[in-house]
Amino acid sequence: MELITNHNPIEMIQDASKVSNKPSSSFIEANTQKVTLEHLKNDCVIPVFSKDNESTISHYQFIDKAHEVVQKLFPDMDIKTPNIRVSHVIKGRIPSAVGKPAIELLPHEKTIYYERCAFLIELPSVKEIVNGNELNLSIGGVRSYNQENLYSKKSLEKFKVFIGFKNRVCTNLCISTDGFSNDIRIGSILDMEQRMEQLFEGYDKERHIGAMKRLSSYKLSERQFAHFIGKLRMYQHLDKMEQSDVFPVLLNDSQINNVVKEYYVGQNFSRNLDGSINLWNLYNMFTEANKSSYIDNNLERNVNAYELVNNLCISIENRTSNWLLSN
């Protein structure tokens, strides 16, 4: 690990949540905590590849580069401070403190870094209205050191980046397939800018918004919703061959339970009086449930929620067969 500060990193966690432009709630929950970019820069060590001691790309470098690219591509727009969430803290100590009881460690002898990190940068001046909900254009990414082989020599490092929208009603993320790159592999931070620009410039905002608006035009009856939930539970127990023949479902049983709970008692996206629910509300119940996912698989599940509900929409619109709705 590379030590870059003598401050007390453990105490700095207490102040790490001092970020401007606070949203009403978090875009991801699970076991995460909020930190600042300055905390990542000044108070965290940087993991290295153990066999050659080459440095990894730090969380700070990743987020700072993304913020730089956003400012470059959207120079006349209001850009919020990055909203950063971290998890799986890794505590350590400097070499001179080896063997010392933890209770006796001095502040400068403690080190810290986070295994997983996610961030969101909002552009509030780029807004759209879908089914009465205001959405803001947002850009973000994920980095998980647990997906790197830090016990080997330096190799290409993996990052996930997205561009999409955040629903201001509930801070749910709305990410489509063409706005998400699941496997950006780079050798240096200089490579990141080009990969980000390619993704952001290739994103079809109008197509994405049009698809989301269409969801509010279709709905499931109470009976169809119940049948749909039952099929979601059945999917987890299909054998691999059967699963390959139907649309994939990435939410787990606990999250599907949360979808059912939201259907009955959700403040923003619950059922109608007759028990029906439109697909826009169903989609947001999925993305709300997905907030409980760990950082390293949150974005994949978010995109899967969009594809899953959009697939339902296409089936209903075209009156074609869909395993999730069929008897």
C-alpha atoms as a PDB file:
ATOM      1  CA  MET A   1       0.000   0.000   0.000  1.00  0.00           C
ATOM      2  CA  GLU A   2       1.144   3.561  -0.628  1.00  0.00           C
ATOM      3  CA  LEU A   3       0.780   5.828   2.391  1.00  0.00           C
ATOM      4  CA  ILE A   4      -0.143   9.369   1.410  1.00  0.00           C
ATOM      5  CA  THR A   5      -0.993  11.045   4.711  1.00  0.00           C
ATOM      6  CA  ASN A   6      -0.207  11.108   8.384  1.00  0.00           C
ATOM      7  CA  HIS A   7      -3.692  12.272   9.374  1.00  0.00           C
ATOM      8  CA  ASN A   8      -5.906   9.991  11.424  1.00  0.00           C
ATOM      9  CA  PRO A   9      -7.964   8.251   8.707  1.00  0.00           C
ATOM     10  CA  ILE A  10     -10.322   6.558  11.145  1.00  0.00           C
ATOM     11  CA  GLU A  11     -11.371   9.883  12.635  1.00  0.00           C
ATOM     12  CA  MET A  12     -11.601  11.370   9.154  1.00  0.00           C
ATOM     13  CA  ILE A  13     -14.467   8.964   8.402  1.00  0.00           C
ATOM     14  CA  GLN A  14     -16.561  10.979  10.845  1.00  0.00           C
ATOM     15  CA  ASP A  15     -16.114  14.101   8.673  1.00  0.00           C
ATOM     16  CA  ALA A  16     -16.167  12.338   5.323  1.00  0.00           C
ATOM     17  CA  SER A  17     -19.857  13.008   4.739  1.00  0.00           C
ATOM     18  CA  LYS A  18     -19.442  16.780   4.491  1.00  0.00           C
ATOM     19  CA  VAL A  19     -20.330  17.138   0.812  1.00  0.00           C
ATOM     20  CA  SER A  20     -22.279  19.997  -0.769  1.00  0.00           C
ATOM     21  CA  ASN A  21     -25.473  19.562  -2.752  1.00  0.00           C
ATOM     22  CA  LYS A  22     -26.773  16.734  -0.548  1.00  0.00           C
ATOM     23  CA  PRO A  23     -29.571  14.679  -2.113  1.00  0.00           C
ATOM     24  CA  SER A  24     -32.633  13.791  -0.087  1.00  0.00           C
ATOM     25  CA  SER A  25     -31.502  10.161   0.136  1.00  0.00           C
ATOM     26  CA  SER A  26     -28.829   7.896  -1.282  1.00  0.00           C
ATOM     27  CA  PHE A  27     -28.709   6.502  -4.818  1.00  0.00           C
ATOM     28  CA  ILE A  28     -27.313   3.309  -3.284  1.00  0.00           C
ATOM     29  CA  GLU A  29     -27.660   2.000   0.246  1.00  0.00           C
ATOM     30  CA  ALA A  30     -26.565  -1.557   1.152  1.00  0.00           C
ATOM     31  CA  ASN A  31     -23.748  -1.166   3.710  1.00  0.00           C
ATOM     32  CA  THR A  32     -22.275   2.011   2.203  1.00  0.00           C
ATOM     33  CA  GLN A  33     -21.286   5.306   3.777  1.00  0.00           C
ATOM     34  CA  LYS A  34     -20.846   8.712   2.235  1.00  0.00           C
ATOM     35  CA  VAL A  35     -17.377  10.257   1.897  1.00  0.00           C
ATOM     36  CA  THR A  36     -15.827  13.256   0.186  1.00  0.00           C
ATOM     37  CA  LEU A  37     -13.379  13.359  -2.709  1.00  0.00           C
ATOM     38  CA  GLU A  38     -10.906  15.129  -0.429  1.00  0.00           C
ATOM     39  CA  HIS A  39     -11.103  12.273   2.070  1.00  0.00           C
ATOM     40  CA  LEU A  40     -10.243   9.750  -0.637  1.00  0.00           C
ATOM     41  CA  LYS A  41      -7.365  11.925  -1.832  1.00  0.00           C
ATOM     42  CA  ASN A  42      -5.796  12.882   1.473  1.00  0.00           C
ATOM     43  CA  ASP A  43      -6.642  10.199   3.993  1.00  0.00           C
ATOM     44  CA  CYS A  44      -6.567   6.847   2.194  1.00  0.00           C
ATOM     45  CA  VAL A  45      -3.716   4.591   1.200  1.00  0.00           C
ATOM     46  CA  ILE A  46      -3.573   3.192  -2.352  1.00  0.00           C
ATOM     47  CA  PRO A  47      -3.394  -0.590  -2.910  1.00  0.00           C
ATOM     48  CA  VAL A  48      -0.596  -1.943  -5.091  1.00  0.00           C
ATOM     49  CA  PHE A  49      -0.016  -5.090  -7.153  1.00  0.00           C
ATOM     50  CA  SER A  50       2.042  -7.102  -4.712  1.00  0.00           C
ATOM     51  CA  LYS A  51       4.458  -8.862  -7.116  1.00  0.00           C
ATOM     52  CA  ASP A  52       5.859  -5.672  -8.662  1.00  0.00           C
ATOM     53  CA  ASN A  53       4.668  -3.020  -6.176  1.00  0.00           C
ATOM     54  CA  GLU A  54       3.057  -1.033  -9.001  1.00  0.00           C
ATOM     55  CA  SER A  55       0.276   1.297  -7.892  1.00  0.00           C
ATOM     56  CA  THR A  56      -3.363   0.726  -8.744  1.00  0.00           C
ATOM     57  CA  ILE A  57      -5.547   3.550 -10.011  1.00  0.00           C
ATOM     58  CA  SER A  58      -7.059   5.071  -6.895  1.00  0.00           C
ATOM     59  CA  HIS A  59     -10.721   5.822  -6.277  1.00  0.00           C
ATOM     60  CA  TYR A  60      -9.805   9.507  -6.146  1.00  0.00           C
ATOM     61  CA  GLN A  61      -8.149   9.421  -9.579  1.00  0.00           C
ATOM     62  CA  PHE A  62     -11.131   7.611 -11.101  1.00  0.00           C
ATOM     63  CA  ILE A  63     -13.710  10.069  -9.786  1.00  0.00           C
ATOM     64  CA  ASP A  64     -11.584  13.143 -10.414  1.00  0.00           C
ATOM     65  CA  LYS A  65     -11.045  12.108 -14.039  1.00  0.00           C
ATOM     66  CA  ALA A  66     -14.782  11.500 -14.513  1.00  0.00           C
ATOM     67  CA  HIS A  67     -15.544  14.952 -13.100  1.00  0.00           C
ATOM     68  CA  GLU A  68     -12.979  16.455 -15.474  1.00  0.00           C
ATOM     69  CA  VAL A  69     -14.549  14.711 -18.488  1.00  0.00           C
ATOM     70  CA  VAL A  70     -18.042  15.872 -17.488  1.00  0.00           C
ATOM     71  CA  GLN A  71     -16.812  19.459 -17.234  1.00  0.00           C
ATOM     72  CA  LYS A  72     -15.190  19.131 -20.649  1.00  0.00           C
ATOM     73  CA  LEU A  73     -18.257  17.663 -22.399  1.00  0.00           C
ATOM     74  CA  PHE A  74     -20.817  19.883 -20.641  1.00  0.00           C
ATOM     75  CA  PRO A  75     -18.932  23.187 -20.170  1.00  0.00           C
ATOM     76  CA  ASP A  76     -22.017  25.410 -19.818  1.00  0.00           C
ATOM     77  CA  MET A  77     -23.969  23.215 -17.429  1.00  0.00           C
ATOM     78  CA  ASP A  78     -24.353  23.248 -13.670  1.00  0.00           C
ATOM     79  CA  ILE A  79     -22.424  20.223 -12.398  1.00  0.00           C
ATOM     80  CA  LYS A  80     -22.879  19.017  -8.846  1.00  0.00           C
ATOM     81  CA  THR A  81     -20.176  17.830  -6.515  1.00  0.00           C
ATOM     82  CA  PRO A  82     -19.639  14.055  -6.857  1.00  0.00           C
ATOM     83  CA  ASN A  83     -21.831  12.053  -4.467  1.00  0.00           C
ATOM     84  CA  ILE A  84     -19.535   9.242  -3.304  1.00  0.00           C
ATOM     85  CA  ARG A  85     -20.436   6.042  -1.461  1.00  0.00           C
ATOM     86  CA  VAL A  86     -17.875   3.510  -0.195  1.00  0.00           C
ATOM     87  CA  SER A  87     -17.961   0.136   1.526  1.00  0.00           C
ATOM     88  CA  HIS A  88     -15.793  -2.688   2.867  1.00  0.00           C
ATOM     89  CA  VAL A  89     -13.244  -0.594   4.726  1.00  0.00           C
ATOM     90  CA  ILE A  90      -9.743  -2.080   4.930  1.00  0.00           C
ATOM     91  CA  LYS A  91      -7.836  -0.939   8.017  1.00  0.00           C
ATOM     92  CA  GLY A  92      -4.085  -1.187   8.446  1.00  0.00           C
ATOM     93  CA  ARG A  93      -1.078   0.270  10.152  1.00  0.00           C
ATOM     94  CA  ILE A  94       2.332   1.599   9.240  1.00  0.00           C
ATOM     95  CA  PRO A  95       5.368  -0.763   9.537  1.00  0.00           C
ATOM     96  CA  SER A  96       6.657   0.751  12.773  1.00  0.00           C
ATOM     97  CA  ALA A  97       3.377  -0.195  14.485  1.00  0.00           C
ATOM     98  CA  VAL A  98       3.669  -3.915  13.781  1.00  0.00           C
ATOM     99  CA  GLY A  99       2.786  -5.970  16.861  1.00  0.00           C
ATOM    100  CA  LYS A 100       1.370  -3.012  18.751  1.00  0.00           C
ATOM    101  CA  PRO A 101      -2.042  -3.618  20.420  1.00  0.00           C
ATOM    102  CA  ALA A 102      -4.816  -1.903  18.458  1.00  0.00           C
ATOM    103  CA  ILE A 103      -5.919   0.117  21.468  1.00  0.00           C
ATOM    104  CA  GLU A 104      -2.453   1.665  21.717  1.00  0.00           C
ATOM    105  CA  LEU A 105      -2.161   2.746  18.076  1.00  0.00           C
ATOM    106  CA  LEU A 106      -1.503   6.444  17.586  1.00  0.00           C
ATOM    107  CA  PRO A 107      -3.502   8.360  14.959  1.00  0.00           C
ATOM    108  CA  HIS A 108      -0.590   8.596  12.507  1.00  0.00           C
ATOM    109  CA  GLU A 109       0.010   4.816  12.761  1.00  0.00           C
ATOM    110  CA  LYS A 110      -3.415   3.891  11.333  1.00  0.00           C
ATOM    111  CA  THR A 111      -4.152   3.482   7.618  1.00  0.00           C
ATOM    112  CA  ILE A 112      -7.378   2.953   5.706  1.00  0.00           C
ATOM    113  CA  TYR A 113      -8.791   2.387   2.240  1.00  0.00           C
ATOM    114  CA  TYR A 114     -12.095   1.172   0.832  1.00  0.00           C
ATOM    115  CA  GLU A 115     -12.438  -1.965  -1.225  1.00  0.00           C
ATOM    116  CA  ARG A 116     -15.496  -0.673  -3.133  1.00  0.00           C
ATOM    117  CA  CYS A 117     -16.532   2.766  -4.295  1.00  0.00           C
ATOM    118  CA  ALA A 118     -19.439   4.221  -6.296  1.00  0.00           C
ATOM    119  CA  PHE A 119     -20.074   7.812  -7.312  1.00  0.00           C
ATOM    120  CA  LEU A 120     -22.741   9.940  -8.976  1.00  0.00           C
ATOM    121  CA  ILE A 121     -22.378  13.341 -10.662  1.00  0.00           C
ATOM    122  CA  GLU A 122     -25.651  15.132 -11.356  1.00  0.00           C
ATOM    123  CA  LEU A 123     -26.331  17.711 -14.069  1.00  0.00           C
ATOM    124  CA  PRO A 124     -29.547  19.283 -12.690  1.00  0.00           C
ATOM    125  CA  SER A 125     -29.956  21.668 -15.646  1.00  0.00           C
ATOM    126  CA  VAL A 126     -30.570  18.664 -17.943  1.00  0.00           C
ATOM    127  CA  LYS A 127     -33.971  17.459 -16.784  1.00  0.00           C
ATOM    128  CA  GLU A 128     -36.865  15.462 -18.170  1.00  0.00           C
ATOM    129  CA  ILE A 129     -40.358  14.683 -16.862  1.00  0.00           C
ATOM    130  CA  VAL A 130     -41.570  11.065 -16.981  1.00  0.00           C
ATOM    131  CA  ASN A 131     -44.994  10.207 -15.563  1.00  0.00           C
ATOM    132  CA  GLY A 132     -44.872  13.327 -13.398  1.00  0.00           C
ATOM    133  CA  ASN A 133     -41.391  12.546 -12.018  1.00  0.00           C
ATOM    134  CA  GLU A 134     -38.487  14.914 -12.608  1.00  0.00           C
ATOM    135  CA  LEU A 135     -35.322  13.174 -13.814  1.00  0.00           C
ATOM    136  CA  ASN A 136     -31.841  14.690 -13.849  1.00  0.00           C
ATOM    137  CA  LEU A 137     -29.073  13.642 -16.226  1.00  0.00           C
ATOM    138  CA  SER A 138     -26.437  11.862 -14.144  1.00  0.00           C
ATOM    139  CA  ILE A 139     -23.049  10.283 -14.700  1.00  0.00           C
ATOM    140  CA  GLY A 140     -21.292   7.853 -12.412  1.00  0.00           C
ATOM    141  CA  GLY A 141     -19.185   4.792 -11.970  1.00  0.00           C
ATOM    142  CA  VAL A 142     -18.064   1.915  -9.790  1.00  0.00           C
ATOM    143  CA  ARG A 143     -14.692   0.545  -8.762  1.00  0.00           C
ATOM    144  CA  SER A 144     -14.184  -2.657  -6.753  1.00  0.00           C
ATOM    145  CA  TYR A 145     -10.696  -3.764  -5.788  1.00  0.00           C
ATOM    146  CA  ASN A 146     -12.055  -7.241  -5.070  1.00  0.00           C
ATOM    147  CA  GLN A 147     -12.344  -7.698  -8.846  1.00  0.00           C
ATOM    148  CA  GLU A 148      -8.596  -7.165  -9.296  1.00  0.00           C
ATOM    149  CA  ASN A 149      -5.852  -9.710  -8.737  1.00  0.00           C
ATOM    150  CA  LEU A 150      -3.740  -7.604  -6.411  1.00  0.00           C
ATOM    151  CA  TYR A 151      -1.528 -10.593  -5.598  1.00  0.00           C
ATOM    152  CA  SER A 152      -0.086 -10.621  -9.103  1.00  0.00           C
ATOM    153  CA  LYS A 153       1.787  -8.181 -11.339  1.00  0.00           C
ATOM    154  CA  LYS A 154       0.213  -4.983 -12.597  1.00  0.00           C
ATOM    155  CA  SER A 155      -2.462  -5.647 -15.234  1.00  0.00           C
ATOM    156  CA  LEU A 156      -5.378  -3.847 -16.866  1.00  0.00           C
ATOM    157  CA  GLU A 157      -7.777  -2.613 -14.208  1.00  0.00           C
ATOM    158  CA  LYS A 158     -11.574  -2.887 -14.377  1.00  0.00           C
ATOM    159  CA  PHE A 159     -14.032  -0.014 -14.043  1.00  0.00           C
ATOM    160  CA  LYS A 160     -17.765   0.459 -14.633  1.00  0.00           C
ATOM    161  CA  VAL A 161     -19.147   3.744 -15.952  1.00  0.00           C
ATOM    162  CA  PHE A 162     -22.669   4.910 -16.780  1.00  0.00           C
ATOM    163  CA  ILE A 163     -24.674   7.859 -18.019  1.00  0.00           C
ATOM    164  CA  GLY A 164     -28.407   8.003 -17.435  1.00  0.00           C
ATOM    165  CA  PHE A 165     -30.908   9.704 -15.158  1.00  0.00           C
ATOM    166  CA  LYS A 166     -31.673   9.991 -11.461  1.00  0.00           C
ATOM    167  CA  ASN A 167     -35.294  10.177 -10.388  1.00  0.00           C
ATOM    168  CA  ARG A 168     -35.479  13.145  -7.998  1.00  0.00           C
ATOM    169  CA  VAL A 169     -38.607  11.748  -6.334  1.00  0.00           C
ATOM    170  CA  CYS A 170     -36.721   8.799  -4.864  1.00  0.00           C
ATOM    171  CA  THR A 171     -33.065   9.092  -6.073  1.00  0.00           C
ATOM    172  CA  ASN A 172     -33.513   5.871  -8.070  1.00  0.00           C
ATOM    173  CA  LEU A 173     -31.084   5.507 -10.958  1.00  0.00           C
ATOM    174  CA  CYS A 174     -32.443   4.948 -14.479  1.00  0.00           C
ATOM    175  CA  ILE A 175     -29.747   3.352 -16.622  1.00  0.00           C
ATOM    176  CA  SER A 176     -30.174   1.821 -20.076  1.00  0.00           C
ATOM    177  CA  THR A 177     -27.945  -0.651 -21.865  1.00  0.00           C
ATOM    178  CA  ASP A 178     -26.347   1.906 -24.197  1.00  0.00           C
ATOM    179  CA  GLY A 179     -25.539   4.181 -21.244  1.00  0.00           C
ATOM    180  CA  PHE A 180     -23.579   1.562 -19.332  1.00  0.00           C
ATOM    181  CA  SER A 181     -20.159   0.026 -19.805  1.00  0.00           C
ATOM    182  CA  ASN A 182     -19.658  -2.950 -17.536  1.00  0.00           C
ATOM    183  CA  ASP A 183     -16.047  -3.716 -18.330  1.00  0.00           C
ATOM    184  CA  ILE A 184     -13.749  -0.768 -19.022  1.00  0.00           C
ATOM    185  CA  ARG A 185     -10.222  -2.100 -18.750  1.00  0.00           C
ATOM    186  CA  ILE A 186      -7.369   0.381 -18.724  1.00  0.00           C
ATOM    187  CA  GLY A 187      -3.686   0.435 -17.901  1.00  0.00           C
ATOM    188  CA  SER A 188      -3.519   4.061 -16.747  1.00  0.00           C
ATOM    189  CA  ILE A 189      -5.833   6.902 -15.806  1.00  0.00           C
ATOM    190  CA  LEU A 190      -4.953   8.601 -19.104  1.00  0.00           C
ATOM    191  CA  ASP A 191      -6.843   5.852 -20.956  1.00  0.00           C
ATOM    192  CA  MET A 192      -9.990   6.569 -18.936  1.00  0.00           C
ATOM    193  CA  GLU A 193     -10.846   9.874 -20.593  1.00  0.00           C
ATOM    194  CA  GLN A 194     -11.197   8.389 -24.076  1.00  0.00           C
ATOM    195  CA  ARG A 195     -13.322   5.474 -22.870  1.00  0.00           C
ATOM    196  CA  MET A 196     -15.625   7.786 -20.926  1.00  0.00           C
ATOM    197  CA  GLU A 197     -16.037  10.187 -23.830  1.00  0.00           C
ATOM    198  CA  GLN A 198     -16.940   7.324 -26.163  1.00  0.00           C
ATOM    199  CA  LEU A 199     -19.660   6.131 -23.784  1.00  0.00           C
ATOM    200  CA  PHE A 200     -21.100   9.558 -22.980  1.00  0.00           C
ATOM    201  CA  GLU A 201     -21.157  10.748 -26.596  1.00  0.00           C
ATOM    202  CA  GLY A 202     -22.685   7.480 -27.815  1.00  0.00           C
ATOM    203  CA  TYR A 203     -25.540   7.632 -25.319  1.00  0.00           C
ATOM    204  CA  ASP A 204     -28.924   8.224 -26.993  1.00  0.00           C
ATOM    205  CA  LYS A 205     -30.722  10.332 -24.400  1.00  0.00           C
ATOM    206  CA  GLU A 206     -33.885  10.853 -26.452  1.00  0.00           C
ATOM    207  CA  ARG A 207     -34.283   7.151 -27.135  1.00  0.00           C
ATOM    208  CA  HIS A 208     -33.839   6.345 -23.447  1.00  0.00           C
ATOM    209  CA  ILE A 209     -36.367   8.970 -22.341  1.00  0.00           C
ATOM    210  CA  GLY A 210     -38.844   7.822 -24.993  1.00  0.00           C
ATOM    211  CA  ALA A 211     -38.616   4.225 -23.794  1.00  0.00           C
ATOM    212  CA  MET A 212     -39.175   5.241 -20.168  1.00  0.00           C
ATOM    213  CA  LYS A 213     -42.173   7.431 -21.055  1.00  0.00           C
ATOM    214  CA  ARG A 214     -43.700   4.501 -22.903  1.00  0.00           C
ATOM    215  CA  LEU A 215     -43.653   2.422 -19.699  1.00  0.00           C
ATOM    216  CA  SER A 216     -46.345   4.584 -18.133  1.00  0.00           C
ATOM    217  CA  SER A 217     -48.730   3.709 -20.990  1.00  0.00           C
ATOM    218  CA  TYR A 218     -48.980   0.034 -20.023  1.00  0.00           C
ATOM    219  CA  LYS A 219     -49.926  -1.697 -16.813  1.00  0.00           C
ATOM    220  CA  LEU A 220     -50.331  -5.045 -15.103  1.00  0.00           C
ATOM    221  CA  SER A 221     -53.540  -6.030 -13.341  1.00  0.00           C
ATOM    222  CA  GLU A 222     -53.325  -7.255  -9.763  1.00  0.00           C
ATOM    223  CA  ARG A 223     -53.628 -10.818 -11.033  1.00  0.00           C
ATOM    224  CA  GLN A 224     -50.889 -10.300 -13.633  1.00  0.00           C
ATOM    225  CA  PHE A 225     -48.619  -8.707 -11.015  1.00  0.00           C
ATOM    226  CA  ALA A 226     -49.093 -11.654  -8.665  1.00  0.00           C
ATOM    227  CA  HIS A 227     -48.351 -14.074 -11.513  1.00  0.00           C
ATOM    228  CA  PHE A 228     -45.286 -12.028 -12.500  1.00  0.00           C
ATOM    229  CA  ILE A 229     -43.893 -12.093  -8.938  1.00  0.00           C
ATOM    230  CA  GLY A 230     -44.423 -15.856  -8.784  1.00  0.00           C
ATOM    231  CA  LYS A 231     -42.474 -16.315 -12.019  1.00  0.00           C
ATOM    232  CA  LEU A 232     -39.636 -14.140 -10.679  1.00  0.00           C
ATOM    233  CA  ARG A 233     -39.321 -16.498  -7.716  1.00  0.00           C
ATOM    234  CA  MET A 234     -39.490 -19.561  -9.946  1.00  0.00           C
ATOM    235  CA  TYR A 235     -36.680 -18.231 -12.172  1.00  0.00           C
ATOM    236  CA  GLN A 236     -34.104 -18.592  -9.393  1.00  0.00           C
ATOM    237  CA  HIS A 237     -34.766 -22.352  -9.252  1.00  0.00           C
ATOM    238  CA  LEU A 238     -34.828 -23.172 -12.964  1.00  0.00           C
ATOM    239  CA  ASP A 239     -31.941 -25.235 -14.241  1.00  0.00           C
ATOM    240  CA  LYS A 240     -29.375 -23.478 -16.410  1.00  0.00           C
ATOM    241  CA  MET A 241     -30.865 -24.774 -19.642  1.00  0.00           C
ATOM    242  CA  GLU A 242     -34.344 -23.481 -18.787  1.00  0.00           C
ATOM    243  CA  GLN A 243     -32.970 -20.136 -17.589  1.00  0.00           C
ATOM    244  CA  SER A 244     -31.210 -19.632 -20.917  1.00  0.00           C
ATOM    245  CA  ASP A 245     -34.571 -19.707 -22.688  1.00  0.00           C
ATOM    246  CA  VAL A 246     -36.170 -16.869 -20.693  1.00  0.00           C
ATOM    247  CA  PHE A 247     -35.304 -13.272 -19.924  1.00  0.00           C
ATOM    248  CA  PRO A 248     -32.690 -13.125 -17.128  1.00  0.00           C
ATOM    249  CA  VAL A 249     -33.653 -11.905 -13.653  1.00  0.00           C
ATOM    250  CA  LEU A 250     -30.842 -10.571 -11.437  1.00  0.00           C
ATOM    251  CA  LEU A 251     -32.758  -9.392  -8.361  1.00  0.00           C
ATOM    252  CA  ASN A 252     -32.584 -11.822  -5.447  1.00  0.00           C
ATOM    253  CA  ASP A 253     -35.471 -13.143  -3.319  1.00  0.00           C
ATOM    254  CA  SER A 254     -35.044 -10.480  -0.645  1.00  0.00           C
ATOM    255  CA  GLN A 255     -35.234  -7.728  -3.237  1.00  0.00           C
ATOM    256  CA  ILE A 256     -38.295  -9.305  -4.862  1.00  0.00           C
ATOM    257  CA  ASN A 257     -39.888  -9.253  -1.387  1.00  0.00           C
ATOM    258  CA  ASN A 258     -39.181  -5.525  -1.263  1.00  0.00           C
ATOM    259  CA  VAL A 259     -40.887  -5.073  -4.638  1.00  0.00           C
ATOM    260  CA  VAL A 260     -44.016  -6.720  -3.226  1.00  0.00           C
ATOM    261  CA  LYS A 261     -43.831  -4.522  -0.111  1.00  0.00           C
ATOM    262  CA  GLU A 262     -43.536  -1.378  -2.252  1.00  0.00           C
ATOM    263  CA  TYR A 263     -46.527  -2.537  -4.292  1.00  0.00           C
ATOM    264  CA  TYR A 264     -48.670  -2.300  -1.154  1.00  0.00           C
ATOM    265  CA  VAL A 265     -47.140   0.490   0.941  1.00  0.00           C
ATOM    266  CA  GLY A 266     -44.711   2.431  -1.284  1.00  0.00           C
ATOM    267  CA  GLN A 267     -45.024   6.213  -0.985  1.00  0.00           C
ATOM    268  CA  ASN A 268     -44.347   6.996  -4.628  1.00  0.00           C
ATOM    269  CA  PHE A 269     -44.903   3.912  -6.781  1.00  0.00           C
ATOM    270  CA  SER A 270     -47.514   1.697  -5.154  1.00  0.00           C
ATOM    271  CA  ARG A 271     -50.543   0.020  -6.755  1.00  0.00           C
ATOM    272  CA  ASN A 272     -53.641   1.817  -8.008  1.00  0.00           C
ATOM    273  CA  LEU A 273     -56.979   1.496  -6.192  1.00  0.00           C
ATOM    274  CA  ASP A 274     -57.976  -1.409  -8.456  1.00  0.00           C
ATOM    275  CA  GLY A 275     -54.705  -3.224  -7.747  1.00  0.00           C
ATOM    276  CA  SER A 276     -53.165  -2.474 -11.130  1.00  0.00           C
ATOM    277  CA  ILE A 277     -49.725  -0.929 -11.535  1.00  0.00           C
ATOM    278  CA  ASN A 278     -48.207   0.764 -14.568  1.00  0.00           C
ATOM    279  CA  LEU A 279     -44.810  -0.367 -15.806  1.00  0.00           C
ATOM    280  CA  TRP A 280     -43.101   2.911 -14.882  1.00  0.00           C
ATOM    281  CA  ASN A 281     -44.026   2.359 -11.241  1.00  0.00           C
ATOM    282  CA  LEU A 282     -43.020  -1.302 -11.499  1.00  0.00           C
ATOM    283  CA  TYR A 283     -39.639  -0.275 -12.903  1.00  0.00           C
ATOM    284  CA  ASN A 284     -39.066   2.151 -10.039  1.00  0.00           C
ATOM    285  CA  MET A 285     -40.011  -0.494  -7.493  1.00  0.00           C
ATOM    286  CA  PHE A 286     -37.262  -2.637  -9.017  1.00  0.00           C
ATOM    287  CA  THR A 287     -34.652   0.130  -8.927  1.00  0.00           C
ATOM    288  CA  GLU A 288     -35.672   0.998  -5.352  1.00  0.00           C
ATOM    289  CA  ALA A 289     -35.202  -2.631  -4.288  1.00  0.00           C
ATOM    290  CA  ASN A 290     -31.852  -2.679  -6.074  1.00  0.00           C
ATOM    291  CA  LYS A 291     -30.461  -0.036  -3.711  1.00  0.00           C
ATOM    292  CA  SER A 292     -29.765  -2.871  -1.275  1.00  0.00           C
ATOM    293  CA  SER A 293     -27.272  -4.433  -3.733  1.00  0.00           C
ATOM    294  CA  TYR A 294     -23.583  -4.213  -2.949  1.00  0.00           C
ATOM    295  CA  ILE A 295     -21.581  -1.697  -4.959  1.00  0.00           C
ATOM    296  CA  ASP A 296     -19.921  -4.318  -7.160  1.00  0.00           C
ATOM    297  CA  ASN A 297     -23.185  -5.635  -8.683  1.00  0.00           C
ATOM    298  CA  ASN A 298     -25.555  -2.683  -8.270  1.00  0.00           C
ATOM    299  CA  LEU A 299     -25.228  -1.265 -11.788  1.00  0.00           C
ATOM    300  CA  GLU A 300     -25.711  -4.605 -13.532  1.00  0.00           C
ATOM    301  CA  ARG A 301     -28.925  -5.202 -11.611  1.00  0.00           C
ATOM    302  CA  ASN A 302     -30.106  -1.679 -12.342  1.00  0.00           C
ATOM    303  CA  VAL A 303     -29.659  -2.158 -16.083  1.00  0.00           C
ATOM    304  CA  ASN A 304     -31.288  -5.586 -15.860  1.00  0.00           C
ATOM    305  CA  ALA A 305     -34.340  -3.989 -14.193  1.00  0.00           C
ATOM    306  CA  TYR A 306     -34.681  -1.599 -17.124  1.00  0.00           C
ATOM    307  CA  GLU A 307     -34.298  -4.352 -19.711  1.00  0.00           C
ATOM    308  CA  LEU A 308     -36.684  -6.669 -17.854  1.00  0.00           C
ATOM    309  CA  VAL A 309     -39.532  -4.150 -17.564  1.00  0.00           C
ATOM    310  CA  ASN A 310     -38.931  -2.836 -21.071  1.00  0.00           C
ATOM    311  CA  ASN A 311     -39.182  -6.420 -22.320  1.00  0.00           C
ATOM    312  CA  LEU A 312     -42.554  -6.721 -20.566  1.00  0.00           C
ATOM    313  CA  CYS A 313     -43.654  -3.492 -22.225  1.00  0.00           C
ATOM    314  CA  ILE A 314     -42.738  -4.761 -25.684  1.00  0.00           C
ATOM    315  CA  SER A 315     -44.587  -8.042 -25.059  1.00  0.00           C
ATOM    316  CA  ILE A 316     -47.740  -6.256 -23.922  1.00  0.00           C
ATOM    317  CA  GLU A 317     -47.555  -3.713 -26.737  1.00  0.00           C
ATOM    318  CA  ASN A 318     -47.074  -6.352 -29.436  1.00  0.00           C
ATOM    319  CA  ARG A 319     -49.244  -8.978 -27.695  1.00  0.00           C
ATOM    320  CA  THR A 320     -46.462 -11.531 -27.872  1.00  0.00           C
ATOM    321  CA  SER A 321     -45.738 -14.375 -25.479  1.00  0.00           C
ATOM    322  CA  ASN A 322     -43.580 -13.701 -22.429  1.00  0.00           C
ATOM    323  CA  TRP A 323     -42.628 -16.424 -19.934  1.00  0.00           C
ATOM    324  CA  LEU A 324     -42.919 -13.996 -17.012  1.00  0.00           C
ATOM    325  CA  LEU A 325     -46.578 -13.361 -17.815  1.00  0.00           C
ATOM    326  CA  SER A 326     -47.642 -16.613 -19.442  1.00  0.00           C
ATOM    327  CA  ASN A 327     -49.675 -19.291 -17.623  1.00  0.00           C
END
